[in-house]
Amino acid sequence: MSVRTLISGTGHFVPPKVVTNLELEKLMNTSDEWIRQRSGIVERRYAESGEGSSDLAYEAALRAIEAAKIDKSEIDFIIAATLSPDFYFPGIGVLVQRKLGLPGIGALDVRNQCSGFIYALSVADQYIMNQTYKKILVVAAEVQSANLDYSDEGRDIAVLFGDGAGAVLLEANKNKDGRGILSTHLFSDGRFIADLWMEKPSPKDRPTFSSELLKNKRYFPRMNGRNVFKNAVEKMPEAVRIALKHNNLTIDDVDHLIPHQANDRISLMVARNLKIPVEKVIRNIARYGNTTAASIPIALDEALKQGKIKGGDIVVLTAFGSGFTWASAVIRW
């Protein structure tokens, strides 16, 4: 049997500040009922001023390291996924490396937004199977609350997002009992970039930053919600079916489905499309909102801590987001 990549530890961290729908009602023309009906979100977490995605990633990493029962010095590579880095450059991988006190090891940044965690997982899986690295830390973190349009014009997006981080430790399964990552599957379609993007700032402009850009609010994220919804409920099930077929599994073999927590209506539609019982679908968007790259590892860690996922379970991950990109992964726990 070939070497499998084992997830030996998981962890997550969300800021303590809770922002409810009722609080957002005070900032824009929206309502708790409207937000709940369209997204399933009740509250989300916001980082404090001065906190970056690397700070949240560091906290999640510490928890994953503790869960894996290793010393942090054993980590020999870091992969970080985020769409909201602390700086324009560099990415947060090296910042997490610095905070952990691990000088010299490589740090790779992945920019695949909502699909970022699965993309990062796929890279780490290859490194472990090829024995390039022995223990890899994958972190996914977002601080999006600082760059949302809290006016009526931007409310459709502003109510959806929250801040948070998740992390996993990966290493080879020395027992060769079949447990670990069975496969990952990655897809994209760049024709639809403008349906979900943050257009500015862009180095194509001269100058990159201008008063006109600020006045026209072109540095806020924008979304064609209808087309994103349509593609998400189609592409995520498609990615799951491809992954199951690749592993000679059926939907009945799946014990837990963890979709990217973009919108609870999307998660439910994905479940309906796949004909999987809704009780097998891990959903926590009501408490955290859409945490983009961090949503799957946060949900994974919570499900493990709650005892939902047990040894031998088949866990399927799927995501869809900006790019468009989408992905799936199958894990035998």
C-alpha atoms as a PDB file:
ATOM      1  CA  MET A   1       0.000   0.000   0.000  1.00  0.00           C
ATOM      2  CA  SER A   2       1.340   3.454  -0.916  1.00  0.00           C
ATOM      3  CA  VAL A   3       2.150   6.019   1.746  1.00  0.00           C
ATOM      4  CA  ARG A   4      -0.826   8.132   2.807  1.00  0.00           C
ATOM      5  CA  THR A   5      -0.666  11.634   4.228  1.00  0.00           C
ATOM      6  CA  LEU A   6      -2.186  11.702   7.689  1.00  0.00           C
ATOM      7  CA  ILE A   7      -3.748  14.733   9.346  1.00  0.00           C
ATOM      8  CA  SER A   8      -2.169  14.271  12.773  1.00  0.00           C
ATOM      9  CA  GLY A   9      -3.485  17.432  14.418  1.00  0.00           C
ATOM     10  CA  THR A  10      -6.070  20.155  13.850  1.00  0.00           C
ATOM     11  CA  GLY A  11      -6.765  23.491  15.464  1.00  0.00           C
ATOM     12  CA  HIS A  12      -8.714  26.688  14.942  1.00  0.00           C
ATOM     13  CA  PHE A  13      -8.952  30.160  16.366  1.00  0.00           C
ATOM     14  CA  VAL A  14     -11.595  32.843  16.009  1.00  0.00           C
ATOM     15  CA  PRO A  15     -11.415  36.332  17.507  1.00  0.00           C
ATOM     16  CA  PRO A  16     -13.448  36.804  20.695  1.00  0.00           C
ATOM     17  CA  LYS A  17     -15.405  39.766  19.296  1.00  0.00           C
ATOM     18  CA  VAL A  18     -18.883  38.585  18.221  1.00  0.00           C
ATOM     19  CA  VAL A  19     -20.831  40.727  15.742  1.00  0.00           C
ATOM     20  CA  THR A  20     -24.500  39.829  15.408  1.00  0.00           C
ATOM     21  CA  ASN A  21     -26.913  40.590  12.605  1.00  0.00           C
ATOM     22  CA  LEU A  22     -28.655  43.029  14.928  1.00  0.00           C
ATOM     23  CA  GLU A  23     -25.431  45.027  15.224  1.00  0.00           C
ATOM     24  CA  LEU A  24     -25.108  45.189  11.437  1.00  0.00           C
ATOM     25  CA  GLU A  25     -28.654  46.559  11.275  1.00  0.00           C
ATOM     26  CA  LYS A  26     -27.263  49.718  12.888  1.00  0.00           C
ATOM     27  CA  LEU A  27     -24.703  50.198  10.097  1.00  0.00           C
ATOM     28  CA  MET A  28     -26.758  49.547   6.969  1.00  0.00           C
ATOM     29  CA  ASN A  29     -30.292  48.983   5.753  1.00  0.00           C
ATOM     30  CA  THR A  30     -30.553  45.263   6.478  1.00  0.00           C
ATOM     31  CA  SER A  31     -32.240  43.008   9.028  1.00  0.00           C
ATOM     32  CA  ASP A  32     -31.555  39.916  11.052  1.00  0.00           C
ATOM     33  CA  GLU A  33     -34.400  38.130   9.268  1.00  0.00           C
ATOM     34  CA  TRP A  34     -33.098  39.093   5.806  1.00  0.00           C
ATOM     35  CA  ILE A  35     -29.562  37.852   6.593  1.00  0.00           C
ATOM     36  CA  ARG A  36     -30.766  34.591   8.150  1.00  0.00           C
ATOM     37  CA  GLN A  37     -33.118  33.781   5.283  1.00  0.00           C
ATOM     38  CA  ARG A  38     -30.535  34.409   2.564  1.00  0.00           C
ATOM     39  CA  SER A  39     -27.410  33.017   4.194  1.00  0.00           C
ATOM     40  CA  GLY A  40     -28.188  31.203   7.434  1.00  0.00           C
ATOM     41  CA  ILE A  41     -25.756  33.499   9.267  1.00  0.00           C
ATOM     42  CA  VAL A  42     -26.631  34.717  12.770  1.00  0.00           C
ATOM     43  CA  GLU A  43     -23.279  36.100  13.901  1.00  0.00           C
ATOM     44  CA  ARG A  44     -19.632  36.280  12.932  1.00  0.00           C
ATOM     45  CA  ARG A  45     -16.281  37.131  14.551  1.00  0.00           C
ATOM     46  CA  TYR A  46     -14.267  40.273  13.879  1.00  0.00           C
ATOM     47  CA  ALA A  47     -10.585  40.786  14.624  1.00  0.00           C
ATOM     48  CA  GLU A  48      -9.570  43.887  16.560  1.00  0.00           C
ATOM     49  CA  SER A  49      -7.684  46.739  14.946  1.00  0.00           C
ATOM     50  CA  GLY A  50      -4.021  45.764  14.670  1.00  0.00           C
ATOM     51  CA  GLU A  51      -4.745  42.040  14.323  1.00  0.00           C
ATOM     52  CA  GLY A  52      -3.821  40.434  11.014  1.00  0.00           C
ATOM     53  CA  SER A  53      -4.532  37.079   9.440  1.00  0.00           C
ATOM     54  CA  SER A  54      -1.051  35.892  10.469  1.00  0.00           C
ATOM     55  CA  ASP A  55      -1.950  36.498  14.133  1.00  0.00           C
ATOM     56  CA  LEU A  56      -5.056  34.322  13.839  1.00  0.00           C
ATOM     57  CA  ALA A  57      -3.092  31.708  11.856  1.00  0.00           C
ATOM     58  CA  TYR A  58      -0.438  31.575  14.575  1.00  0.00           C
ATOM     59  CA  GLU A  59      -3.045  30.861  17.260  1.00  0.00           C
ATOM     60  CA  ALA A  60      -4.653  28.130  15.156  1.00  0.00           C
ATOM     61  CA  ALA A  61      -1.207  26.664  14.452  1.00  0.00           C
ATOM     62  CA  LEU A  62      -0.393  26.414  18.161  1.00  0.00           C
ATOM     63  CA  ARG A  63      -3.585  24.439  18.728  1.00  0.00           C
ATOM     64  CA  ALA A  64      -2.873  22.097  15.814  1.00  0.00           C
ATOM     65  CA  ILE A  65       0.681  21.509  17.049  1.00  0.00           C
ATOM     66  CA  GLU A  66      -0.649  20.679  20.513  1.00  0.00           C
ATOM     67  CA  ALA A  67      -3.244  18.296  19.062  1.00  0.00           C
ATOM     68  CA  ALA A  68      -0.555  16.543  16.989  1.00  0.00           C
ATOM     69  CA  LYS A  69       1.539  16.101  20.146  1.00  0.00           C
ATOM     70  CA  ILE A  70       4.736  17.219  18.464  1.00  0.00           C
ATOM     71  CA  ASP A  71       7.322  19.856  19.193  1.00  0.00           C
ATOM     72  CA  LYS A  72       7.072  22.785  16.806  1.00  0.00           C
ATOM     73  CA  SER A  73      10.739  22.276  15.866  1.00  0.00           C
ATOM     74  CA  GLU A  74       9.675  19.101  14.015  1.00  0.00           C
ATOM     75  CA  ILE A  75       7.790  21.169  11.393  1.00  0.00           C
ATOM     76  CA  ASP A  76       9.903  21.405   8.245  1.00  0.00           C
ATOM     77  CA  PHE A  77       7.568  23.305   5.900  1.00  0.00           C
ATOM     78  CA  ILE A  78       4.648  25.757   6.128  1.00  0.00           C
ATOM     79  CA  ILE A  79       1.868  26.377   3.609  1.00  0.00           C
ATOM     80  CA  ALA A  80      -0.441  29.333   4.212  1.00  0.00           C
ATOM     81  CA  ALA A  81      -3.712  30.141   2.440  1.00  0.00           C
ATOM     82  CA  THR A  82      -5.411  33.537   2.624  1.00  0.00           C
ATOM     83  CA  LEU A  83      -6.956  36.255   0.481  1.00  0.00           C
ATOM     84  CA  SER A  84      -6.371  38.835   3.227  1.00  0.00           C
ATOM     85  CA  PRO A  85      -2.627  38.900   3.990  1.00  0.00           C
ATOM     86  CA  ASP A  86      -1.260  41.344   6.542  1.00  0.00           C
ATOM     87  CA  PHE A  87       0.633  43.178   3.795  1.00  0.00           C
ATOM     88  CA  TYR A  88       0.464  43.627   0.023  1.00  0.00           C
ATOM     89  CA  PHE A  89       3.641  41.537   0.176  1.00  0.00           C
ATOM     90  CA  PRO A  90       5.047  39.329   1.591  1.00  0.00           C
ATOM     91  CA  GLY A  91       2.394  36.708   2.263  1.00  0.00           C
ATOM     92  CA  ILE A  92       1.600  35.385   5.727  1.00  0.00           C
ATOM     93  CA  GLY A  93       3.596  32.138   5.446  1.00  0.00           C
ATOM     94  CA  VAL A  94       6.841  33.782   6.540  1.00  0.00           C
ATOM     95  CA  LEU A  95       5.012  35.742   9.256  1.00  0.00           C
ATOM     96  CA  VAL A  96       3.667  32.518  10.762  1.00  0.00           C
ATOM     97  CA  GLN A  97       7.147  31.022  10.469  1.00  0.00           C
ATOM     98  CA  ARG A  98       8.583  34.001  12.356  1.00  0.00           C
ATOM     99  CA  LYS A  99       5.918  33.920  15.072  1.00  0.00           C
ATOM    100  CA  LEU A 100       6.536  30.201  15.613  1.00  0.00           C
ATOM    101  CA  GLY A 101      10.287  30.772  15.800  1.00  0.00           C
ATOM    102  CA  LEU A 102      11.217  28.384  12.989  1.00  0.00           C
ATOM    103  CA  PRO A 103      13.944  30.196  11.023  1.00  0.00           C
ATOM    104  CA  GLY A 104      15.174  28.679   7.799  1.00  0.00           C
ATOM    105  CA  ILE A 105      12.293  26.385   6.859  1.00  0.00           C
ATOM    106  CA  GLY A 106      10.336  27.065   3.676  1.00  0.00           C
ATOM    107  CA  ALA A 107       7.033  28.922   3.687  1.00  0.00           C
ATOM    108  CA  LEU A 108       4.686  28.843   0.704  1.00  0.00           C
ATOM    109  CA  ASP A 109       1.641  31.068   0.158  1.00  0.00           C
ATOM    110  CA  VAL A 110      -1.455  29.875  -1.700  1.00  0.00           C
ATOM    111  CA  ARG A 111      -3.878  32.398  -3.207  1.00  0.00           C
ATOM    112  CA  ASN A 112      -6.971  30.420  -4.127  1.00  0.00           C
ATOM    113  CA  GLN A 113      -9.411  32.222  -1.870  1.00  0.00           C
ATOM    114  CA  CYS A 114     -12.326  30.008  -0.775  1.00  0.00           C
ATOM    115  CA  SER A 115     -10.666  26.932  -2.308  1.00  0.00           C
ATOM    116  CA  GLY A 116      -7.330  27.824  -0.749  1.00  0.00           C
ATOM    117  CA  PHE A 117      -7.306  25.238   2.019  1.00  0.00           C
ATOM    118  CA  ILE A 118      -7.925  22.274  -0.292  1.00  0.00           C
ATOM    119  CA  TYR A 119      -5.370  23.615  -2.790  1.00  0.00           C
ATOM    120  CA  ALA A 120      -2.841  23.951   0.052  1.00  0.00           C
ATOM    121  CA  LEU A 121      -3.727  20.458   1.293  1.00  0.00           C
ATOM    122  CA  SER A 122      -3.072  19.045  -2.177  1.00  0.00           C
ATOM    123  CA  VAL A 123       0.409  20.571  -2.305  1.00  0.00           C
ATOM    124  CA  ALA A 124       1.280  19.321   1.173  1.00  0.00           C
ATOM    125  CA  ASP A 125      -0.003  15.848   0.302  1.00  0.00           C
ATOM    126  CA  GLN A 126       2.391  15.607  -2.656  1.00  0.00           C
ATOM    127  CA  TYR A 127       5.359  16.763  -0.578  1.00  0.00           C
ATOM    128  CA  ILE A 128       4.629  14.167   2.112  1.00  0.00           C
ATOM    129  CA  MET A 129       4.078  11.318  -0.345  1.00  0.00           C
ATOM    130  CA  ASN A 130       7.296  12.213  -2.186  1.00  0.00           C
ATOM    131  CA  GLN A 131       9.121  12.380   1.158  1.00  0.00           C
ATOM    132  CA  THR A 132      10.271  15.927   0.427  1.00  0.00           C
ATOM    133  CA  TYR A 133       9.113  16.986   3.897  1.00  0.00           C
ATOM    134  CA  LYS A 134       8.166  15.000   6.997  1.00  0.00           C
ATOM    135  CA  LYS A 135       5.847  17.325   8.907  1.00  0.00           C
ATOM    136  CA  ILE A 136       3.986  20.168   7.195  1.00  0.00           C
ATOM    137  CA  LEU A 137       1.879  22.854   8.818  1.00  0.00           C
ATOM    138  CA  VAL A 138      -1.008  24.083   6.681  1.00  0.00           C
ATOM    139  CA  VAL A 139      -2.742  27.232   7.920  1.00  0.00           C
ATOM    140  CA  ALA A 140      -5.687  29.122   6.452  1.00  0.00           C
ATOM    141  CA  ALA A 141      -6.649  32.475   7.921  1.00  0.00           C
ATOM    142  CA  GLU A 142      -8.705  35.539   7.076  1.00  0.00           C
ATOM    143  CA  VAL A 143      -9.285  39.040   8.417  1.00  0.00           C
ATOM    144  CA  GLN A 144     -11.893  40.382   6.025  1.00  0.00           C
ATOM    145  CA  SER A 145     -13.854  42.648   8.353  1.00  0.00           C
ATOM    146  CA  ALA A 146     -11.372  45.482   7.781  1.00  0.00           C
ATOM    147  CA  ASN A 147     -12.149  45.729   4.063  1.00  0.00           C
ATOM    148  CA  LEU A 148     -15.903  45.483   3.683  1.00  0.00           C
ATOM    149  CA  ASP A 149     -18.288  48.199   2.525  1.00  0.00           C
ATOM    150  CA  TYR A 150     -20.631  48.743   5.473  1.00  0.00           C
ATOM    151  CA  SER A 151     -22.949  51.008   3.489  1.00  0.00           C
ATOM    152  CA  ASP A 152     -26.240  50.042   1.861  1.00  0.00           C
ATOM    153  CA  GLU A 153     -24.343  49.681  -1.408  1.00  0.00           C
ATOM    154  CA  GLY A 154     -22.084  46.972  -0.012  1.00  0.00           C
ATOM    155  CA  ARG A 155     -24.454  45.217   2.382  1.00  0.00           C
ATOM    156  CA  ASP A 156     -24.982  42.075   0.274  1.00  0.00           C
ATOM    157  CA  ILE A 157     -21.323  41.157   0.769  1.00  0.00           C
ATOM    158  CA  ALA A 158     -20.620  42.831   4.116  1.00  0.00           C
ATOM    159  CA  VAL A 159     -23.142  40.698   6.017  1.00  0.00           C
ATOM    160  CA  LEU A 160     -21.593  37.435   4.797  1.00  0.00           C
ATOM    161  CA  PHE A 161     -17.989  37.508   5.943  1.00  0.00           C
ATOM    162  CA  GLY A 162     -16.183  36.888   9.210  1.00  0.00           C
ATOM    163  CA  ASP A 163     -12.641  36.452  10.509  1.00  0.00           C
ATOM    164  CA  GLY A 164     -10.958  33.264  11.684  1.00  0.00           C
ATOM    165  CA  ALA A 165      -8.236  30.681  11.138  1.00  0.00           C
ATOM    166  CA  GLY A 166      -7.783  26.926  10.947  1.00  0.00           C
ATOM    167  CA  ALA A 167      -4.679  24.763  10.829  1.00  0.00           C
ATOM    168  CA  VAL A 168      -3.671  21.137  10.305  1.00  0.00           C
ATOM    169  CA  LEU A 169      -0.450  19.165  10.796  1.00  0.00           C
ATOM    170  CA  LEU A 170       0.364  16.644   8.078  1.00  0.00           C
ATOM    171  CA  GLU A 171       2.770  13.713   8.153  1.00  0.00           C
ATOM    172  CA  ALA A 172       3.154  10.272   6.611  1.00  0.00           C
ATOM    173  CA  ASN A 173       1.002   7.480   7.998  1.00  0.00           C
ATOM    174  CA  LYS A 174       3.676   5.069   9.168  1.00  0.00           C
ATOM    175  CA  ASN A 175       1.129   2.354   9.978  1.00  0.00           C
ATOM    176  CA  LYS A 176       0.071   2.066   6.317  1.00  0.00           C
ATOM    177  CA  ASP A 177      -3.457   1.143   7.385  1.00  0.00           C
ATOM    178  CA  GLY A 178      -5.151   3.112   4.612  1.00  0.00           C
ATOM    179  CA  ARG A 179      -5.926   6.131   6.753  1.00  0.00           C
ATOM    180  CA  GLY A 180      -5.126   9.579   5.405  1.00  0.00           C
ATOM    181  CA  ILE A 181      -5.744  11.697   2.330  1.00  0.00           C
ATOM    182  CA  LEU A 182      -6.992   9.438  -0.464  1.00  0.00           C
ATOM    183  CA  SER A 183      -6.995  12.102  -3.201  1.00  0.00           C
ATOM    184  CA  THR A 184      -7.445  15.781  -4.010  1.00  0.00           C
ATOM    185  CA  HIS A 185      -9.028  17.283  -7.132  1.00  0.00           C
ATOM    186  CA  LEU A 186      -8.558  20.870  -8.313  1.00  0.00           C
ATOM    187  CA  PHE A 187     -10.450  22.905 -10.940  1.00  0.00           C
ATOM    188  CA  SER A 188     -10.746  26.480 -12.219  1.00  0.00           C
ATOM    189  CA  ASP A 189     -12.413  28.682 -14.820  1.00  0.00           C
ATOM    190  CA  GLY A 190     -10.876  32.133 -15.201  1.00  0.00           C
ATOM    191  CA  ARG A 191     -13.650  33.392 -17.465  1.00  0.00           C
ATOM    192  CA  PHE A 192     -15.633  34.452 -14.425  1.00  0.00           C
ATOM    193  CA  ILE A 193     -13.075  36.382 -12.386  1.00  0.00           C
ATOM    194  CA  ALA A 194     -15.185  39.556 -12.377  1.00  0.00           C
ATOM    195  CA  ASP A 195     -18.135  37.708 -10.819  1.00  0.00           C
ATOM    196  CA  LEU A 196     -16.291  37.514  -7.508  1.00  0.00           C
ATOM    197  CA  TRP A 197     -13.246  39.698  -7.056  1.00  0.00           C
ATOM    198  CA  MET A 198     -11.523  42.669  -5.504  1.00  0.00           C
ATOM    199  CA  GLU A 199     -10.514  44.589  -8.610  1.00  0.00           C
ATOM    200  CA  LYS A 200      -8.261  47.162  -6.963  1.00  0.00           C
ATOM    201  CA  PRO A 201      -5.573  47.976  -5.997  1.00  0.00           C
ATOM    202  CA  SER A 202      -3.844  46.786  -9.139  1.00  0.00           C
ATOM    203  CA  PRO A 203      -0.271  47.364 -10.304  1.00  0.00           C
ATOM    204  CA  LYS A 204      -1.705  47.754 -13.820  1.00  0.00           C
ATOM    205  CA  ASP A 205      -2.820  51.247 -12.774  1.00  0.00           C
ATOM    206  CA  ARG A 206      -0.491  54.249 -12.794  1.00  0.00           C
ATOM    207  CA  PRO A 207      -0.477  55.180  -9.983  1.00  0.00           C
ATOM    208  CA  THR A 208      -1.587  52.031  -8.164  1.00  0.00           C
ATOM    209  CA  PHE A 209      -3.452  54.078  -5.552  1.00  0.00           C
ATOM    210  CA  SER A 210      -5.443  57.181  -6.398  1.00  0.00           C
ATOM    211  CA  SER A 211      -8.128  59.407  -4.885  1.00  0.00           C
ATOM    212  CA  GLU A 212     -10.484  58.388  -7.708  1.00  0.00           C
ATOM    213  CA  LEU A 213     -10.102  54.718  -6.778  1.00  0.00           C
ATOM    214  CA  LEU A 214     -11.020  55.519  -3.172  1.00  0.00           C
ATOM    215  CA  LYS A 215     -13.937  57.733  -4.157  1.00  0.00           C
ATOM    216  CA  ASN A 216     -15.450  55.048  -6.402  1.00  0.00           C
ATOM    217  CA  LYS A 217     -14.977  52.303  -3.764  1.00  0.00           C
ATOM    218  CA  ARG A 218     -13.264  50.043  -6.272  1.00  0.00           C
ATOM    219  CA  TYR A 219     -11.068  48.505  -3.556  1.00  0.00           C
ATOM    220  CA  PHE A 220     -14.040  46.686  -1.973  1.00  0.00           C
ATOM    221  CA  PRO A 221     -14.894  43.096  -2.951  1.00  0.00           C
ATOM    222  CA  ARG A 222     -17.696  42.703  -5.486  1.00  0.00           C
ATOM    223  CA  MET A 223     -19.843  39.699  -6.309  1.00  0.00           C
ATOM    224  CA  ASN A 224     -22.411  38.592  -8.849  1.00  0.00           C
ATOM    225  CA  GLY A 225     -24.313  36.609  -6.248  1.00  0.00           C
ATOM    226  CA  ARG A 226     -26.677  34.915  -8.671  1.00  0.00           C
ATOM    227  CA  ASN A 227     -23.906  33.456 -10.849  1.00  0.00           C
ATOM    228  CA  VAL A 228     -21.747  32.497  -7.874  1.00  0.00           C
ATOM    229  CA  PHE A 229     -24.683  30.633  -6.310  1.00  0.00           C
ATOM    230  CA  LYS A 230     -25.529  28.885  -9.590  1.00  0.00           C
ATOM    231  CA  ASN A 231     -21.965  27.687 -10.150  1.00  0.00           C
ATOM    232  CA  ALA A 232     -21.284  26.750  -6.532  1.00  0.00           C
ATOM    233  CA  VAL A 233     -24.282  24.405  -6.281  1.00  0.00           C
ATOM    234  CA  GLU A 234     -23.222  22.779  -9.558  1.00  0.00           C
ATOM    235  CA  LYS A 235     -19.430  22.610  -9.285  1.00  0.00           C
ATOM    236  CA  MET A 236     -19.066  21.428  -5.687  1.00  0.00           C
ATOM    237  CA  PRO A 237     -21.230  18.310  -6.169  1.00  0.00           C
ATOM    238  CA  GLU A 238     -19.453  17.671  -9.462  1.00  0.00           C
ATOM    239  CA  ALA A 239     -16.080  17.796  -7.712  1.00  0.00           C
ATOM    240  CA  VAL A 240     -17.344  15.419  -5.013  1.00  0.00           C
ATOM    241  CA  ARG A 241     -18.585  12.894  -7.582  1.00  0.00           C
ATOM    242  CA  ILE A 242     -15.236  12.973  -9.394  1.00  0.00           C
ATOM    243  CA  ALA A 243     -13.415  12.381  -6.111  1.00  0.00           C
ATOM    244  CA  LEU A 244     -15.674   9.499  -5.091  1.00  0.00           C
ATOM    245  CA  LYS A 245     -15.385   7.824  -8.490  1.00  0.00           C
ATOM    246  CA  HIS A 246     -11.594   8.167  -8.347  1.00  0.00           C
ATOM    247  CA  ASN A 247     -11.604   6.215  -5.071  1.00  0.00           C
ATOM    248  CA  ASN A 248     -14.279   3.670  -6.038  1.00  0.00           C
ATOM    249  CA  LEU A 249     -16.625   5.076  -3.419  1.00  0.00           C
ATOM    250  CA  THR A 250     -20.286   6.057  -3.500  1.00  0.00           C
ATOM    251  CA  ILE A 251     -22.145   8.792  -1.678  1.00  0.00           C
ATOM    252  CA  ASP A 252     -23.379   6.128   0.758  1.00  0.00           C
ATOM    253  CA  ASP A 253     -19.764   5.554   1.823  1.00  0.00           C
ATOM    254  CA  VAL A 254     -19.404   9.177   2.928  1.00  0.00           C
ATOM    255  CA  ASP A 255     -19.699   9.686   6.680  1.00  0.00           C
ATOM    256  CA  HIS A 256     -19.191  13.457   6.676  1.00  0.00           C
ATOM    257  CA  LEU A 257     -19.271  16.146   3.997  1.00  0.00           C
ATOM    258  CA  ILE A 258     -17.573  19.427   4.871  1.00  0.00           C
ATOM    259  CA  PRO A 259     -18.384  22.070   2.266  1.00  0.00           C
ATOM    260  CA  HIS A 260     -16.883  25.538   2.259  1.00  0.00           C
ATOM    261  CA  GLN A 261     -19.153  27.596   4.505  1.00  0.00           C
ATOM    262  CA  ALA A 262     -20.116  30.243   1.947  1.00  0.00           C
ATOM    263  CA  ASN A 263     -23.864  30.329   2.443  1.00  0.00           C
ATOM    264  CA  ASP A 264     -26.045  27.800   4.242  1.00  0.00           C
ATOM    265  CA  ARG A 265     -28.448  27.724   1.300  1.00  0.00           C
ATOM    266  CA  ILE A 266     -25.537  26.631  -0.906  1.00  0.00           C
ATOM    267  CA  SER A 267     -24.539  23.890   1.557  1.00  0.00           C
ATOM    268  CA  LEU A 268     -28.093  22.569   1.652  1.00  0.00           C
ATOM    269  CA  MET A 269     -28.396  22.669  -2.140  1.00  0.00           C
ATOM    270  CA  VAL A 270     -25.111  20.768  -2.467  1.00  0.00           C
ATOM    271  CA  ALA A 271     -26.442  18.125  -0.072  1.00  0.00           C
ATOM    272  CA  ARG A 272     -29.674  17.862  -2.049  1.00  0.00           C
ATOM    273  CA  ASN A 273     -27.793  17.611  -5.348  1.00  0.00           C
ATOM    274  CA  LEU A 274     -25.623  14.791  -3.972  1.00  0.00           C
ATOM    275  CA  LYS A 275     -28.585  13.106  -2.252  1.00  0.00           C
ATOM    276  CA  ILE A 276     -26.618  12.927   0.985  1.00  0.00           C
ATOM    277  CA  PRO A 277     -28.511  13.117   4.310  1.00  0.00           C
ATOM    278  CA  VAL A 278     -28.257  16.638   5.685  1.00  0.00           C
ATOM    279  CA  GLU A 279     -27.171  15.297   9.088  1.00  0.00           C
ATOM    280  CA  LYS A 280     -23.925  14.156   7.412  1.00  0.00           C
ATOM    281  CA  VAL A 281     -23.146  17.718   6.309  1.00  0.00           C
ATOM    282  CA  ILE A 282     -20.963  19.732   8.713  1.00  0.00           C
ATOM    283  CA  ARG A 283     -22.361  23.279   8.932  1.00  0.00           C
ATOM    284  CA  ASN A 284     -21.261  26.076  11.255  1.00  0.00           C
ATOM    285  CA  ILE A 285     -21.796  29.189   9.142  1.00  0.00           C
ATOM    286  CA  ALA A 286     -24.516  30.417  11.521  1.00  0.00           C
ATOM    287  CA  ARG A 287     -21.845  31.263  14.111  1.00  0.00           C
ATOM    288  CA  TYR A 288     -18.903  32.367  11.964  1.00  0.00           C
ATOM    289  CA  GLY A 289     -20.153  33.587   8.603  1.00  0.00           C
ATOM    290  CA  ASN A 290     -17.985  32.995   5.541  1.00  0.00           C
ATOM    291  CA  THR A 291     -14.353  32.791   6.664  1.00  0.00           C
ATOM    292  CA  THR A 292     -13.170  32.000   3.114  1.00  0.00           C
ATOM    293  CA  ALA A 293     -10.018  29.821   3.127  1.00  0.00           C
ATOM    294  CA  ALA A 294     -10.390  29.186   6.861  1.00  0.00           C
ATOM    295  CA  SER A 295     -13.950  27.847   6.787  1.00  0.00           C
ATOM    296  CA  ILE A 296     -13.199  24.167   6.071  1.00  0.00           C
ATOM    297  CA  PRO A 297     -10.382  23.708   8.630  1.00  0.00           C
ATOM    298  CA  ILE A 298     -12.441  25.525  11.276  1.00  0.00           C
ATOM    299  CA  ALA A 299     -15.413  23.237  10.609  1.00  0.00           C
ATOM    300  CA  LEU A 300     -13.144  20.175  10.513  1.00  0.00           C
ATOM    301  CA  ASP A 301     -11.552  20.975  13.868  1.00  0.00           C
ATOM    302  CA  GLU A 302     -14.916  21.667  15.497  1.00  0.00           C
ATOM    303  CA  ALA A 303     -16.367  18.405  14.198  1.00  0.00           C
ATOM    304  CA  LEU A 304     -13.401  16.494  15.608  1.00  0.00           C
ATOM    305  CA  LYS A 305     -13.579  18.252  18.982  1.00  0.00           C
ATOM    306  CA  GLN A 306     -17.309  17.491  19.157  1.00  0.00           C
ATOM    307  CA  GLY A 307     -16.656  13.809  18.515  1.00  0.00           C
ATOM    308  CA  LYS A 308     -18.563  13.738  15.236  1.00  0.00           C
ATOM    309  CA  ILE A 309     -15.633  12.380  13.202  1.00  0.00           C
ATOM    310  CA  LYS A 310     -14.244   9.039  14.315  1.00  0.00           C
ATOM    311  CA  GLY A 311     -11.444   6.746  13.189  1.00  0.00           C
ATOM    312  CA  GLY A 312     -12.145   5.084   9.861  1.00  0.00           C
ATOM    313  CA  ASP A 313     -14.747   7.646   8.772  1.00  0.00           C
ATOM    314  CA  ILE A 314     -14.741   8.828   5.176  1.00  0.00           C
ATOM    315  CA  VAL A 315     -14.634  12.633   5.194  1.00  0.00           C
ATOM    316  CA  VAL A 316     -15.120  14.597   1.970  1.00  0.00           C
ATOM    317  CA  LEU A 317     -14.164  18.266   1.619  1.00  0.00           C
ATOM    318  CA  THR A 318     -15.358  20.544  -1.167  1.00  0.00           C
ATOM    319  CA  ALA A 319     -15.052  24.242  -1.889  1.00  0.00           C
ATOM    320  CA  PHE A 320     -15.924  26.855  -4.486  1.00  0.00           C
ATOM    321  CA  GLY A 321     -14.898  30.471  -4.761  1.00  0.00           C
ATOM    322  CA  SER A 322     -13.264  33.374  -6.537  1.00  0.00           C
ATOM    323  CA  GLY A 323     -11.436  32.595  -9.735  1.00  0.00           C
ATOM    324  CA  PHE A 324     -13.668  30.675 -10.236  1.00  0.00           C
ATOM    325  CA  THR A 325     -11.845  27.839  -8.479  1.00  0.00           C
ATOM    326  CA  TRP A 326     -13.290  24.731  -6.908  1.00  0.00           C
ATOM    327  CA  ALA A 327     -11.887  21.576  -5.366  1.00  0.00           C
ATOM    328  CA  SER A 328     -12.532  18.383  -3.443  1.00  0.00           C
ATOM    329  CA  ALA A 329     -10.622  15.994  -1.203  1.00  0.00           C
ATOM    330  CA  VAL A 330     -11.373  12.567   0.244  1.00  0.00           C
ATOM    331  CA  ILE A 331      -9.882  11.548   3.594  1.00  0.00           C
ATOM    332  CA  ARG A 332     -10.150   8.255   5.455  1.00  0.00           C
ATOM    333  CA  TRP A 333      -9.922   9.287   9.067  1.00  0.00           C
END
